[in-house]
Amino acid sequence: MKATNLALTLALLSGGVSAQTPPPAPSTASDPGEPLPSGAPTNDYELSAWCYGALDEYLVVYQKVKPDLRDIDRMWGSSVPNEKEPYASDMAAARKELKVLSGAVMAAEKASPVAIAPHGVDAVKKGRSIWTPAETKTSRELARAWLSWGLPDKCDSTARNLTANAAVLGAALKYNTPDPVAPPAAPAPTDTTPTAPPPEATPTAPPT
């Protein structure tokens, strides 16, 4: 996905970045990737749900800022000139990653012996809420915040680890649960139809 620059986002939200500042430079091979922000969940399930919320809201924001993204690309140039939708490949990658996160969350909920979905719902809301400060700004500022954001690297590795562990846990739970005992077969029904009495013998007439 596109380059990430959390410092730029924070500066933007505090009013320290000019509208004329160019978008973030492309990442390099030595770029360690975006770290998790403070306050992100620590356990794998809630972190995966948090990442889902943050990424899903990122896709929602994209629909709002597309006109500004086109303007910014015209001003500073784009690595993919004349593309029908701005950052189309990034959006395809984001939607694919969203399925990975969603699958991990659902697998964990299915494998858990206790109800954990309420915690997941709260984590999704917290993930979405990271966009709240930017969404109070102008559309151009929101677009620049969108350009500078990237999904933390730990989201993908955590989700994949969660999916693998959920599969193991689910198999263990199934192994430890005895198969239900089939009820004994019902006895064959007894024929209660009364038997007709044998016909009475017809007396033979005496010889004449």
N, C-alpha and C. Protein backbone atom coordinates (compact mmCIF):
# COMPACT_ATOMS: atom_id res chain seq x y z
N MET A 1 0.83 -1.19 0.00
CA MET A 1 0.00 0.00 0.00
C MET A 1 0.88 1.25 0.00
N LYS A 2 0.27 2.43 -0.05
CA LYS A 2 1.04 3.66 -0.19
C LYS A 2 1.87 3.94 1.06
N ALA A 3 2.76 4.89 0.93
CA ALA A 3 3.64 5.23 2.03
C ALA A 3 2.86 5.68 3.24
N THR A 4 3.43 5.46 4.43
CA THR A 4 2.79 5.89 5.65
C THR A 4 3.65 6.92 6.33
N ASN A 5 3.04 7.83 7.06
CA ASN A 5 3.77 8.86 7.76
C ASN A 5 2.89 9.36 8.90
N LEU A 6 2.97 8.67 10.03
CA LEU A 6 2.12 9.02 11.15
C LEU A 6 2.44 10.41 11.66
N ALA A 7 3.71 10.79 11.64
CA ALA A 7 4.07 12.12 12.12
C ALA A 7 3.39 13.21 11.29
N LEU A 8 3.30 13.00 9.97
CA LEU A 8 2.64 13.98 9.11
C LEU A 8 1.17 14.09 9.47
N THR A 9 0.54 12.95 9.73
CA THR A 9 -0.87 12.98 10.10
C THR A 9 -1.09 13.78 11.38
N LEU A 10 -0.26 13.51 12.39
CA LEU A 10 -0.41 14.22 13.66
C LEU A 10 -0.16 15.71 13.49
N ALA A 11 0.82 16.05 12.67
CA ALA A 11 1.10 17.47 12.44
C ALA A 11 -0.06 18.13 11.72
N LEU A 12 -0.66 17.42 10.78
CA LEU A 12 -1.80 17.96 10.06
C LEU A 12 -2.96 18.25 11.00
N LEU A 13 -3.24 17.28 11.86
CA LEU A 13 -4.38 17.43 12.76
C LEU A 13 -4.16 18.53 13.78
N SER A 14 -2.89 18.85 14.08
CA SER A 14 -2.61 19.93 15.02
C SER A 14 -2.45 21.27 14.30
N GLY A 15 -2.62 21.27 12.96
CA GLY A 15 -2.55 22.51 12.20
C GLY A 15 -1.14 22.89 11.78
N GLY A 16 -0.20 21.94 11.86
CA GLY A 16 1.19 22.28 11.57
C GLY A 16 1.64 21.99 10.16
N VAL A 17 0.76 21.63 9.26
CA VAL A 17 1.14 21.30 7.89
C VAL A 17 0.37 22.19 6.93
N SER A 18 1.06 22.78 6.01
CA SER A 18 0.43 23.66 5.03
C SER A 18 -0.29 22.85 3.98
N ALA A 19 -1.33 23.43 3.42
CA ALA A 19 -2.06 22.76 2.34
C ALA A 19 -1.18 22.57 1.13
N GLN A 20 -0.05 23.31 1.07
CA GLN A 20 0.82 23.19 -0.09
C GLN A 20 1.91 22.15 0.12
N THR A 21 1.95 21.50 1.30
CA THR A 21 2.96 20.47 1.54
C THR A 21 2.68 19.28 0.64
N PRO A 22 3.68 18.79 -0.08
CA PRO A 22 3.45 17.66 -0.97
C PRO A 22 3.08 16.41 -0.19
N PRO A 23 2.45 15.45 -0.85
CA PRO A 23 2.09 14.20 -0.17
C PRO A 23 3.33 13.43 0.25
N PRO A 24 3.18 12.41 1.13
CA PRO A 24 4.33 11.67 1.64
C PRO A 24 5.14 11.05 0.51
N ALA A 25 6.44 10.96 0.73
CA ALA A 25 7.31 10.32 -0.26
C ALA A 25 7.11 8.82 -0.21
N PRO A 26 7.38 8.12 -1.31
CA PRO A 26 7.23 6.67 -1.32
C PRO A 26 8.11 6.01 -0.27
N SER A 27 7.64 4.89 0.28
CA SER A 27 8.42 4.17 1.29
C SER A 27 9.59 3.46 0.64
N THR A 28 10.58 3.12 1.44
CA THR A 28 11.76 2.41 0.95
C THR A 28 11.78 1.02 1.56
N ALA A 29 12.71 0.22 1.06
CA ALA A 29 12.80 -1.16 1.55
C ALA A 29 13.16 -1.20 3.03
N SER A 30 13.83 -0.15 3.53
CA SER A 30 14.24 -0.13 4.94
C SER A 30 13.15 0.41 5.84
N ASP A 31 12.03 0.85 5.26
CA ASP A 31 10.94 1.40 6.06
C ASP A 31 10.36 0.30 6.95
N PRO A 32 10.39 0.47 8.29
CA PRO A 32 9.91 -0.58 9.16
C PRO A 32 8.39 -0.73 9.16
N GLY A 33 7.69 0.21 8.51
CA GLY A 33 6.24 0.13 8.49
C GLY A 33 5.63 0.92 9.63
N GLU A 34 4.33 1.09 9.56
CA GLU A 34 3.61 1.88 10.55
C GLU A 34 3.48 1.12 11.86
N PRO A 35 3.89 1.71 12.99
CA PRO A 35 3.71 1.02 14.27
C PRO A 35 2.29 1.17 14.77
N LEU A 36 1.96 0.37 15.76
CA LEU A 36 0.66 0.51 16.40
C LEU A 36 0.63 1.78 17.24
N PRO A 37 -0.47 2.51 17.21
CA PRO A 37 -0.56 3.70 18.06
C PRO A 37 -0.79 3.29 19.51
N SER A 38 -0.48 4.20 20.42
CA SER A 38 -0.73 3.92 21.83
C SER A 38 -2.23 3.78 22.04
N GLY A 39 -2.61 2.88 22.90
CA GLY A 39 -4.03 2.65 23.16
C GLY A 39 -4.64 1.55 22.32
N ALA A 40 -3.90 1.02 21.36
CA ALA A 40 -4.41 -0.10 20.57
C ALA A 40 -4.49 -1.34 21.45
N PRO A 41 -5.44 -2.23 21.21
CA PRO A 41 -5.55 -3.46 22.02
C PRO A 41 -4.27 -4.29 21.94
N THR A 42 -4.09 -5.14 22.94
CA THR A 42 -2.88 -5.95 22.99
C THR A 42 -3.13 -7.43 22.66
N ASN A 43 -4.35 -7.93 22.92
CA ASN A 43 -4.57 -9.34 22.59
C ASN A 43 -4.96 -9.47 21.12
N ASP A 44 -4.68 -10.64 20.56
CA ASP A 44 -4.80 -10.83 19.12
C ASP A 44 -6.22 -10.60 18.61
N TYR A 45 -7.21 -11.09 19.34
CA TYR A 45 -8.59 -10.96 18.86
C TYR A 45 -9.03 -9.50 18.80
N GLU A 46 -8.85 -8.78 19.90
CA GLU A 46 -9.30 -7.39 19.92
C GLU A 46 -8.46 -6.51 19.00
N LEU A 47 -7.19 -6.83 18.86
CA LEU A 47 -6.36 -6.06 17.94
C LEU A 47 -6.82 -6.27 16.50
N SER A 48 -7.16 -7.49 16.14
CA SER A 48 -7.64 -7.75 14.79
C SER A 48 -8.95 -7.01 14.54
N ALA A 49 -9.83 -6.97 15.54
CA ALA A 49 -11.08 -6.23 15.41
C ALA A 49 -10.83 -4.74 15.31
N TRP A 50 -9.87 -4.25 16.08
CA TRP A 50 -9.50 -2.83 16.03
C TRP A 50 -8.97 -2.47 14.64
N CYS A 51 -8.10 -3.31 14.11
CA CYS A 51 -7.53 -3.08 12.78
C CYS A 51 -8.63 -3.09 11.72
N TYR A 52 -9.60 -4.00 11.88
CA TYR A 52 -10.72 -4.05 10.95
C TYR A 52 -11.47 -2.72 10.96
N GLY A 53 -11.77 -2.21 12.14
CA GLY A 53 -12.50 -0.95 12.23
C GLY A 53 -11.74 0.21 11.60
N ALA A 54 -10.42 0.27 11.87
CA ALA A 54 -9.61 1.35 11.32
C ALA A 54 -9.54 1.28 9.79
N LEU A 55 -9.35 0.07 9.27
CA LEU A 55 -9.22 -0.09 7.81
C LEU A 55 -10.56 0.11 7.11
N ASP A 56 -11.64 -0.36 7.73
CA ASP A 56 -12.95 -0.18 7.10
C ASP A 56 -13.30 1.31 7.04
N GLU A 57 -12.99 2.06 8.08
CA GLU A 57 -13.26 3.49 8.05
C GLU A 57 -12.36 4.19 7.02
N TYR A 58 -11.16 3.70 6.85
CA TYR A 58 -10.25 4.22 5.82
C TYR A 58 -10.91 4.12 4.44
N LEU A 59 -11.59 2.99 4.19
CA LEU A 59 -12.28 2.82 2.91
C LEU A 59 -13.49 3.74 2.81
N VAL A 60 -14.15 3.99 3.93
CA VAL A 60 -15.28 4.92 3.94
C VAL A 60 -14.79 6.34 3.63
N VAL A 61 -13.70 6.72 4.26
CA VAL A 61 -13.15 8.07 4.05
C VAL A 61 -12.72 8.25 2.60
N TYR A 62 -12.21 7.19 2.00
CA TYR A 62 -11.78 7.26 0.60
C TYR A 62 -12.90 7.77 -0.30
N GLN A 63 -14.11 7.30 -0.07
CA GLN A 63 -15.23 7.73 -0.90
C GLN A 63 -15.49 9.23 -0.74
N LYS A 64 -15.19 9.76 0.43
CA LYS A 64 -15.43 11.18 0.69
C LYS A 64 -14.37 12.08 0.06
N VAL A 65 -13.14 11.57 -0.03
CA VAL A 65 -12.02 12.44 -0.42
C VAL A 65 -11.54 12.23 -1.84
N LYS A 66 -12.20 11.38 -2.62
CA LYS A 66 -11.73 11.13 -3.98
C LYS A 66 -11.57 12.41 -4.81
N PRO A 67 -12.50 13.37 -4.76
CA PRO A 67 -12.29 14.60 -5.54
C PRO A 67 -11.01 15.32 -5.13
N ASP A 68 -10.73 15.39 -3.83
CA ASP A 68 -9.51 16.05 -3.37
C ASP A 68 -8.27 15.26 -3.76
N LEU A 69 -8.37 13.94 -3.74
CA LEU A 69 -7.23 13.13 -4.16
C LEU A 69 -6.87 13.41 -5.61
N ARG A 70 -7.88 13.57 -6.45
CA ARG A 70 -7.62 13.89 -7.86
C ARG A 70 -6.95 15.26 -7.99
N ASP A 71 -7.43 16.22 -7.21
CA ASP A 71 -6.82 17.56 -7.25
C ASP A 71 -5.37 17.51 -6.80
N ILE A 72 -5.10 16.76 -5.73
CA ILE A 72 -3.73 16.66 -5.23
C ILE A 72 -2.83 15.98 -6.25
N ASP A 73 -3.36 14.94 -6.91
CA ASP A 73 -2.57 14.26 -7.94
C ASP A 73 -2.27 15.20 -9.11
N ARG A 74 -3.24 16.03 -9.48
CA ARG A 74 -3.00 16.98 -10.57
C ARG A 74 -1.94 18.01 -10.18
N MET A 75 -1.94 18.37 -8.91
CA MET A 75 -0.99 19.38 -8.44
C MET A 75 0.42 18.81 -8.33
N TRP A 76 0.55 17.59 -7.81
CA TRP A 76 1.87 17.04 -7.51
C TRP A 76 2.25 15.88 -8.42
N GLY A 77 1.35 15.43 -9.25
CA GLY A 77 1.64 14.29 -10.10
C GLY A 77 1.26 12.99 -9.42
N SER A 78 1.06 11.97 -10.23
CA SER A 78 0.66 10.66 -9.71
C SER A 78 1.55 9.60 -10.31
N SER A 79 1.82 8.56 -9.53
CA SER A 79 2.63 7.45 -10.04
C SER A 79 1.86 6.64 -11.08
N VAL A 80 0.53 6.81 -11.11
CA VAL A 80 -0.30 6.12 -12.10
C VAL A 80 -1.17 7.18 -12.78
N PRO A 81 -0.63 7.87 -13.77
CA PRO A 81 -1.40 8.94 -14.43
C PRO A 81 -2.65 8.42 -15.11
N ASN A 82 -3.68 9.26 -15.08
CA ASN A 82 -4.92 9.01 -15.81
C ASN A 82 -5.65 7.73 -15.38
N GLU A 83 -5.42 7.27 -14.16
CA GLU A 83 -6.17 6.09 -13.71
C GLU A 83 -7.62 6.50 -13.45
N LYS A 84 -8.53 5.58 -13.72
CA LYS A 84 -9.95 5.89 -13.61
C LYS A 84 -10.34 6.26 -12.19
N GLU A 85 -9.83 5.53 -11.21
CA GLU A 85 -10.06 5.80 -9.80
C GLU A 85 -8.72 6.04 -9.13
N PRO A 86 -8.57 7.11 -8.35
CA PRO A 86 -7.29 7.35 -7.69
C PRO A 86 -6.94 6.24 -6.70
N TYR A 87 -5.69 5.81 -6.73
CA TYR A 87 -5.18 4.80 -5.81
C TYR A 87 -6.00 3.50 -5.88
N ALA A 88 -6.35 3.12 -7.11
CA ALA A 88 -7.19 1.93 -7.29
C ALA A 88 -6.51 0.67 -6.78
N SER A 89 -5.21 0.52 -7.02
CA SER A 89 -4.52 -0.69 -6.56
C SER A 89 -4.45 -0.73 -5.04
N ASP A 90 -4.27 0.44 -4.42
CA ASP A 90 -4.27 0.49 -2.96
C ASP A 90 -5.61 0.08 -2.39
N MET A 91 -6.68 0.52 -3.05
CA MET A 91 -8.01 0.17 -2.57
C MET A 91 -8.27 -1.33 -2.72
N ALA A 92 -7.81 -1.91 -3.81
CA ALA A 92 -7.97 -3.35 -3.99
C ALA A 92 -7.23 -4.11 -2.90
N ALA A 93 -6.01 -3.65 -2.57
CA ALA A 93 -5.23 -4.30 -1.51
C ALA A 93 -5.90 -4.12 -0.16
N ALA A 94 -6.48 -2.95 0.07
CA ALA A 94 -7.15 -2.70 1.35
C ALA A 94 -8.38 -3.59 1.51
N ARG A 95 -9.15 -3.76 0.44
CA ARG A 95 -10.33 -4.61 0.53
C ARG A 95 -9.95 -6.07 0.75
N LYS A 96 -8.86 -6.48 0.15
CA LYS A 96 -8.37 -7.85 0.35
C LYS A 96 -7.93 -8.04 1.79
N GLU A 97 -7.22 -7.06 2.33
CA GLU A 97 -6.77 -7.15 3.72
C GLU A 97 -7.94 -7.12 4.69
N LEU A 98 -8.98 -6.37 4.34
CA LEU A 98 -10.16 -6.31 5.20
C LEU A 98 -10.79 -7.70 5.35
N LYS A 99 -10.76 -8.49 4.29
CA LYS A 99 -11.29 -9.85 4.35
C LYS A 99 -10.44 -10.73 5.26
N VAL A 100 -9.12 -10.51 5.24
CA VAL A 100 -8.23 -11.26 6.13
C VAL A 100 -8.58 -10.96 7.59
N LEU A 101 -8.76 -9.68 7.90
CA LEU A 101 -9.08 -9.27 9.26
C LEU A 101 -10.45 -9.79 9.69
N SER A 102 -11.42 -9.67 8.81
CA SER A 102 -12.76 -10.15 9.11
C SER A 102 -12.77 -11.66 9.34
N GLY A 103 -12.05 -12.38 8.51
CA GLY A 103 -11.98 -13.83 8.65
C GLY A 103 -11.36 -14.25 9.97
N ALA A 104 -10.33 -13.51 10.39
CA ALA A 104 -9.66 -13.83 11.66
C ALA A 104 -10.60 -13.60 12.84
N VAL A 105 -11.32 -12.50 12.82
CA VAL A 105 -12.25 -12.18 13.90
C VAL A 105 -13.35 -13.24 13.99
N MET A 106 -13.92 -13.60 12.86
CA MET A 106 -15.00 -14.58 12.87
C MET A 106 -14.51 -15.96 13.28
N ALA A 107 -13.30 -16.32 12.86
CA ALA A 107 -12.75 -17.62 13.24
C ALA A 107 -12.53 -17.70 14.74
N ALA A 108 -12.04 -16.60 15.33
CA ALA A 108 -11.81 -16.59 16.78
C ALA A 108 -13.12 -16.68 17.54
N GLU A 109 -14.14 -15.97 17.07
CA GLU A 109 -15.44 -16.01 17.74
C GLU A 109 -16.05 -17.41 17.66
N LYS A 110 -15.88 -18.05 16.53
CA LYS A 110 -16.45 -19.38 16.35
C LYS A 110 -15.74 -20.41 17.23
N ALA A 111 -14.42 -20.26 17.40
CA ALA A 111 -13.64 -21.24 18.16
C ALA A 111 -13.69 -21.01 19.66
N SER A 112 -14.00 -19.79 20.08
CA SER A 112 -13.97 -19.47 21.51
C SER A 112 -15.06 -20.21 22.27
N PRO A 113 -14.72 -20.80 23.43
CA PRO A 113 -15.75 -21.47 24.24
C PRO A 113 -16.65 -20.50 24.99
N VAL A 114 -16.27 -19.22 25.02
CA VAL A 114 -17.10 -18.19 25.66
C VAL A 114 -17.41 -17.10 24.65
N ALA A 115 -18.42 -16.30 24.95
CA ALA A 115 -18.82 -15.22 24.04
C ALA A 115 -17.81 -14.08 24.11
N ILE A 116 -17.16 -13.78 23.00
CA ILE A 116 -16.20 -12.68 22.96
C ILE A 116 -16.61 -11.58 22.00
N ALA A 117 -17.70 -11.80 21.27
CA ALA A 117 -18.12 -10.82 20.26
C ALA A 117 -18.33 -9.42 20.82
N PRO A 118 -18.90 -9.24 22.03
CA PRO A 118 -19.07 -7.88 22.54
C PRO A 118 -17.75 -7.11 22.65
N HIS A 119 -16.68 -7.81 23.02
CA HIS A 119 -15.37 -7.16 23.09
C HIS A 119 -14.90 -6.77 21.68
N GLY A 120 -15.23 -7.62 20.72
CA GLY A 120 -14.86 -7.32 19.34
C GLY A 120 -15.58 -6.10 18.81
N VAL A 121 -16.85 -5.97 19.15
CA VAL A 121 -17.63 -4.81 18.71
C VAL A 121 -17.02 -3.52 19.26
N ASP A 122 -16.65 -3.55 20.53
CA ASP A 122 -16.02 -2.36 21.14
C ASP A 122 -14.69 -2.03 20.46
N ALA A 123 -13.91 -3.06 20.13
CA ALA A 123 -12.62 -2.84 19.49
C ALA A 123 -12.78 -2.27 18.09
N VAL A 124 -13.80 -2.74 17.36
CA VAL A 124 -14.06 -2.19 16.02
C VAL A 124 -14.39 -0.70 16.12
N LYS A 125 -15.22 -0.33 17.10
CA LYS A 125 -15.58 1.08 17.28
C LYS A 125 -14.36 1.93 17.60
N LYS A 126 -13.46 1.40 18.43
CA LYS A 126 -12.24 2.14 18.78
C LYS A 126 -11.36 2.31 17.54
N GLY A 127 -11.31 1.27 16.71
CA GLY A 127 -10.53 1.39 15.48
C GLY A 127 -11.08 2.46 14.56
N ARG A 128 -12.38 2.50 14.41
CA ARG A 128 -13.00 3.53 13.57
C ARG A 128 -12.74 4.93 14.13
N SER A 129 -12.71 5.03 15.45
CA SER A 129 -12.62 6.35 16.08
C SER A 129 -11.30 7.07 15.85
N ILE A 130 -10.28 6.35 15.38
CA ILE A 130 -9.01 7.05 15.13
C ILE A 130 -9.16 8.08 14.02
N TRP A 131 -10.21 7.94 13.20
CA TRP A 131 -10.43 8.88 12.11
C TRP A 131 -11.26 10.09 12.54
N THR A 132 -11.83 10.05 13.74
CA THR A 132 -12.71 11.13 14.17
C THR A 132 -12.06 12.51 14.13
N PRO A 133 -10.83 12.67 14.66
CA PRO A 133 -10.22 14.02 14.60
C PRO A 133 -10.07 14.53 13.17
N ALA A 134 -9.64 13.65 12.26
CA ALA A 134 -9.44 14.08 10.87
C ALA A 134 -10.77 14.40 10.20
N GLU A 135 -11.82 13.68 10.57
CA GLU A 135 -13.12 13.89 9.92
C GLU A 135 -13.80 15.18 10.36
N THR A 136 -13.24 15.84 11.37
CA THR A 136 -13.77 17.14 11.76
C THR A 136 -13.10 18.28 10.98
N LYS A 137 -12.08 17.95 10.19
CA LYS A 137 -11.35 18.96 9.42
C LYS A 137 -12.00 19.17 8.05
N THR A 138 -11.40 20.04 7.26
CA THR A 138 -11.90 20.27 5.90
C THR A 138 -11.65 19.03 5.05
N SER A 139 -12.33 18.97 3.91
CA SER A 139 -12.17 17.80 3.04
C SER A 139 -10.74 17.68 2.54
N ARG A 140 -10.06 18.81 2.29
CA ARG A 140 -8.68 18.74 1.82
C ARG A 140 -7.75 18.23 2.92
N GLU A 141 -7.98 18.68 4.13
CA GLU A 141 -7.16 18.20 5.24
C GLU A 141 -7.43 16.72 5.51
N LEU A 142 -8.68 16.31 5.38
CA LEU A 142 -9.02 14.90 5.55
C LEU A 142 -8.34 14.06 4.47
N ALA A 143 -8.30 14.57 3.25
CA ALA A 143 -7.64 13.85 2.16
C ALA A 143 -6.16 13.68 2.43
N ARG A 144 -5.52 14.71 2.97
CA ARG A 144 -4.09 14.61 3.24
C ARG A 144 -3.82 13.66 4.40
N ALA A 145 -4.72 13.66 5.39
CA ALA A 145 -4.58 12.69 6.48
C ALA A 145 -4.75 11.27 5.94
N TRP A 146 -5.69 11.10 5.03
CA TRP A 146 -5.91 9.79 4.41
C TRP A 146 -4.65 9.35 3.66
N LEU A 147 -4.04 10.27 2.93
CA LEU A 147 -2.84 9.95 2.16
C LEU A 147 -1.67 9.52 3.05
N SER A 148 -1.64 10.05 4.26
CA SER A 148 -0.49 9.78 5.12
C SER A 148 -0.69 8.57 6.03
N TRP A 149 -1.88 7.98 6.00
CA TRP A 149 -2.16 6.86 6.91
C TRP A 149 -1.88 5.53 6.25
N GLY A 150 -1.48 4.59 7.05
CA GLY A 150 -1.31 3.22 6.58
C GLY A 150 -1.65 2.24 7.68
N LEU A 151 -2.15 1.09 7.33
CA LEU A 151 -2.49 0.07 8.31
C LEU A 151 -1.21 -0.41 8.99
N PRO A 152 -1.16 -0.42 10.32
CA PRO A 152 0.04 -0.91 11.01
C PRO A 152 0.41 -2.32 10.56
N ASP A 153 1.70 -2.55 10.41
CA ASP A 153 2.17 -3.85 9.91
C ASP A 153 1.71 -5.01 10.78
N LYS A 154 1.57 -4.77 12.09
CA LYS A 154 1.23 -5.86 12.99
C LYS A 154 -0.20 -6.36 12.76
N CYS A 155 -1.03 -5.58 12.11
CA CYS A 155 -2.41 -6.00 11.90
C CYS A 155 -2.48 -7.29 11.09
N ASP A 156 -1.76 -7.33 9.99
CA ASP A 156 -1.83 -8.51 9.12
C ASP A 156 -1.25 -9.74 9.79
N SER A 157 -0.06 -9.61 10.39
CA SER A 157 0.57 -10.77 11.03
C SER A 157 -0.26 -11.28 12.20
N THR A 158 -0.84 -10.36 12.96
CA THR A 158 -1.67 -10.76 14.10
C THR A 158 -2.92 -11.49 13.63
N ALA A 159 -3.57 -10.98 12.58
CA ALA A 159 -4.79 -11.61 12.08
C ALA A 159 -4.50 -13.02 11.56
N ARG A 160 -3.42 -13.18 10.86
CA ARG A 160 -3.09 -14.50 10.32
C ARG A 160 -2.74 -15.47 11.45
N ASN A 161 -2.06 -14.98 12.46
CA ASN A 161 -1.75 -15.81 13.62
C ASN A 161 -3.03 -16.20 14.37
N LEU A 162 -3.94 -15.25 14.49
CA LEU A 162 -5.21 -15.52 15.16
C LEU A 162 -6.01 -16.58 14.41
N THR A 163 -6.05 -16.49 13.09
CA THR A 163 -6.77 -17.47 12.28
C THR A 163 -6.20 -18.87 12.48
N ALA A 164 -4.87 -18.97 12.48
CA ALA A 164 -4.22 -20.28 12.67
C ALA A 164 -4.51 -20.84 14.05
N ASN A 165 -4.42 -20.00 15.07
CA ASN A 165 -4.68 -20.46 16.43
C ASN A 165 -6.14 -20.86 16.63
N ALA A 166 -7.05 -20.11 15.99
CA ALA A 166 -8.47 -20.43 16.11
C ALA A 166 -8.76 -21.79 15.49
N ALA A 167 -8.09 -22.11 14.40
CA ALA A 167 -8.29 -23.41 13.76
C ALA A 167 -7.84 -24.53 14.68
N VAL A 168 -6.69 -24.32 15.35
CA VAL A 168 -6.18 -25.33 16.28
C VAL A 168 -7.11 -25.48 17.47
N LEU A 169 -7.56 -24.35 18.02
CA LEU A 169 -8.47 -24.39 19.17
C LEU A 169 -9.79 -25.05 18.81
N GLY A 170 -10.31 -24.70 17.63
CA GLY A 170 -11.56 -25.31 17.20
C GLY A 170 -11.44 -26.82 17.06
N ALA A 171 -10.31 -27.28 16.52
CA ALA A 171 -10.10 -28.71 16.38
C ALA A 171 -9.99 -29.38 17.75
N ALA A 172 -9.31 -28.71 18.70
CA ALA A 172 -9.16 -29.27 20.04
C ALA A 172 -10.50 -29.36 20.75
N LEU A 173 -11.32 -28.32 20.60
CA LEU A 173 -12.64 -28.34 21.23
C LEU A 173 -13.49 -29.47 20.66
N LYS A 174 -13.39 -29.66 19.36
CA LYS A 174 -14.16 -30.73 18.72
C LYS A 174 -13.67 -32.10 19.18
N TYR A 175 -12.34 -32.22 19.34
CA TYR A 175 -11.75 -33.49 19.75
C TYR A 175 -12.17 -33.85 21.18
N ASN A 176 -12.26 -32.82 22.04
CA ASN A 176 -12.58 -33.05 23.44
C ASN A 176 -14.08 -33.20 23.70
N THR A 177 -14.88 -32.97 22.70
CA THR A 177 -16.32 -33.11 22.85
C THR A 177 -16.75 -34.45 22.28
N PRO A 178 -17.24 -35.36 23.13
CA PRO A 178 -17.62 -36.69 22.60
C PRO A 178 -18.77 -36.57 21.61
N ASP A 179 -18.72 -37.44 20.65
CA ASP A 179 -19.80 -37.46 19.68
C ASP A 179 -21.10 -37.88 20.37
N PRO A 180 -22.20 -37.30 20.01
CA PRO A 180 -23.46 -37.68 20.63
C PRO A 180 -23.77 -39.16 20.37
N VAL A 181 -24.27 -39.82 21.42
CA VAL A 181 -24.59 -41.24 21.29
C VAL A 181 -25.93 -41.37 20.57
N ALA A 182 -25.92 -42.16 19.54
CA ALA A 182 -27.15 -42.35 18.78
C ALA A 182 -28.16 -43.13 19.61
N PRO A 183 -29.40 -42.75 19.62
CA PRO A 183 -30.41 -43.49 20.39
C PRO A 183 -30.60 -44.88 19.81
N PRO A 184 -30.94 -45.85 20.67
CA PRO A 184 -31.13 -47.22 20.15
C PRO A 184 -32.27 -47.26 19.14
N ALA A 185 -32.11 -48.16 18.22
CA ALA A 185 -33.14 -48.27 17.18
C ALA A 185 -34.46 -48.73 17.79
N ALA A 186 -35.52 -48.16 17.33
CA ALA A 186 -36.83 -48.54 17.83
C ALA A 186 -37.16 -49.96 17.40
N PRO A 187 -37.78 -50.75 18.30
CA PRO A 187 -38.13 -52.13 17.90
C PRO A 187 -39.12 -52.13 16.75
N ALA A 188 -39.04 -53.17 15.97
CA ALA A 188 -39.95 -53.29 14.83
C ALA A 188 -41.38 -53.38 15.34
N PRO A 189 -42.29 -52.70 14.71
CA PRO A 189 -43.69 -52.73 15.18
C PRO A 189 -44.28 -54.13 15.11
N THR A 190 -45.06 -54.46 16.12
CA THR A 190 -45.72 -55.77 16.17
C THR A 190 -47.03 -55.71 15.39
N ASP A 191 -47.24 -56.72 14.57
CA ASP A 191 -48.46 -56.75 13.78
C ASP A 191 -49.63 -57.11 14.68
N THR A 192 -50.50 -56.15 14.93
CA THR A 192 -51.64 -56.38 15.83
C THR A 192 -52.94 -56.67 15.07
N THR A 193 -52.84 -56.86 13.77
CA THR A 193 -54.05 -57.15 12.97
C THR A 193 -54.60 -58.52 13.36
N PRO A 194 -55.86 -58.57 13.81
CA PRO A 194 -56.40 -59.89 14.24
C PRO A 194 -56.45 -60.87 13.08
N THR A 195 -56.13 -62.08 13.40
CA THR A 195 -56.13 -63.13 12.38
C THR A 195 -57.55 -63.65 12.19
N ALA A 196 -57.98 -63.71 10.96
CA ALA A 196 -59.35 -64.19 10.70
C ALA A 196 -59.47 -65.66 11.08
N PRO A 197 -60.57 -66.05 11.74
CA PRO A 197 -60.73 -67.49 12.11
C PRO A 197 -60.85 -68.35 10.85
N PRO A 198 -60.43 -69.58 10.96
CA PRO A 198 -60.52 -70.45 9.78
C PRO A 198 -61.97 -70.68 9.40
N PRO A 199 -62.27 -70.80 8.16
CA PRO A 199 -63.67 -71.01 7.74
C PRO A 199 -64.22 -72.32 8.29
N GLU A 200 -65.52 -72.29 8.70
CA GLU A 200 -66.14 -73.51 9.22
C GLU A 200 -66.27 -74.55 8.09
N ALA A 201 -66.06 -75.75 8.49
CA ALA A 201 -66.15 -76.84 7.49
C ALA A 201 -67.61 -77.05 7.07
N THR A 202 -67.80 -77.18 5.79
CA THR A 202 -69.17 -77.42 5.28
C THR A 202 -69.51 -78.89 5.45
N PRO A 203 -70.60 -79.24 6.16
CA PRO A 203 -70.91 -80.69 6.35
C PRO A 203 -71.20 -81.38 5.02
N THR A 204 -70.71 -82.54 4.94
CA THR A 204 -70.93 -83.31 3.72
C THR A 204 -72.30 -84.00 3.78
N ALA A 205 -73.06 -83.89 2.70
CA ALA A 205 -74.41 -84.50 2.70
C ALA A 205 -74.29 -86.03 2.75
N PRO A 206 -75.19 -86.71 3.51
CA PRO A 206 -75.13 -88.19 3.58
C PRO A 206 -75.50 -88.80 2.23
N PRO A 207 -74.91 -89.93 1.92
CA PRO A 207 -75.22 -90.56 0.63
C PRO A 207 -76.67 -91.04 0.61
N THR A 208 -77.31 -90.98 -0.52
CA THR A 208 -78.72 -91.40 -0.64
C THR A 208 -78.77 -92.84 -1.08
